[in-house]
Amino acid sequence: NGHIGTVVLNRPDRMNAISTTMTRDLHEVLFEVNNDPDLRAVIFRGEGRAFCAGDDLKEFNSQTASDSATVAHIEGIQRITRDLMFSDKIFVGAIHGYAVGGGFEWMLNCDLIVASENTVAFNPETDWGQFPTGGVTHLMPQAIGYQRAMQILVLGERFNASQLYDMGLINWVVSDDQLLAKAQEVAETVADKSPFSVSNLKRVMTRGISPDLSRSLELEGDIT
């Protein structure tokens, strides 16, 4: 729609849980988005009752059947992180319902985040014998400090939208029925700015963190 795009996770029957097909298709879509010179801002949201409920447990056995399968799954999630963070587009996360595991990570990979009051986010990986990815081992301590990051990543506690806002992990909390309107408003504000200034601002800011982020992604991928 003009200079604003919208990317929708569309597996509502599975609460947009992450499957191999999803990461492949999402990467293809984000490649198109990132190479569209007309787009300046992109709303990233989920269809149905949740933004993204994390790994699809129906695929858990195949995703972890071997070290190579686990690495491939992690690489699929991390590819989306790179698509979001190393783009010159501004991604506006419109988050509602559950943002779990990889869904929490993709939320944090957005540049600006609007969350509805019913948002619940947590990282359950330590309960499942898994390891967080999406660069959060670097991004989260930078955003909220080491101890708070350890609380989220080790204990797996659930946080509501108000708590996420207080920690500085999201930008706005709105009522459920105002989520898309607020995300659209933010995207329009971004699109009205100088594309030269905004795209280069993001490029410089991400370039400053990219060596550490890339190293963290590499280290996360080495844990199998």
Foldseek 3Di string as FASTA:
>chain_A
DFQEEEDELEPQVQLSEDDPVSLVVVLVVLVVVLPDPRHAEYEYAYPHQWRYAYHRPVCVCQCPVDLVSVLVSLVSLLSLLCSQQQGLHQYEYLGEAEQEQSSLLNQLSGPAYEYEQRYKYAYCQLVVVAAGASLCVPSVCVQQNDVVSCCRRVVGDIDTPVRCVVSVSHDYYHHPVCRVVVSVVVSVVRSPDPSVVSSVVSNVVSVVCVVVSVVSNVVSSVPD
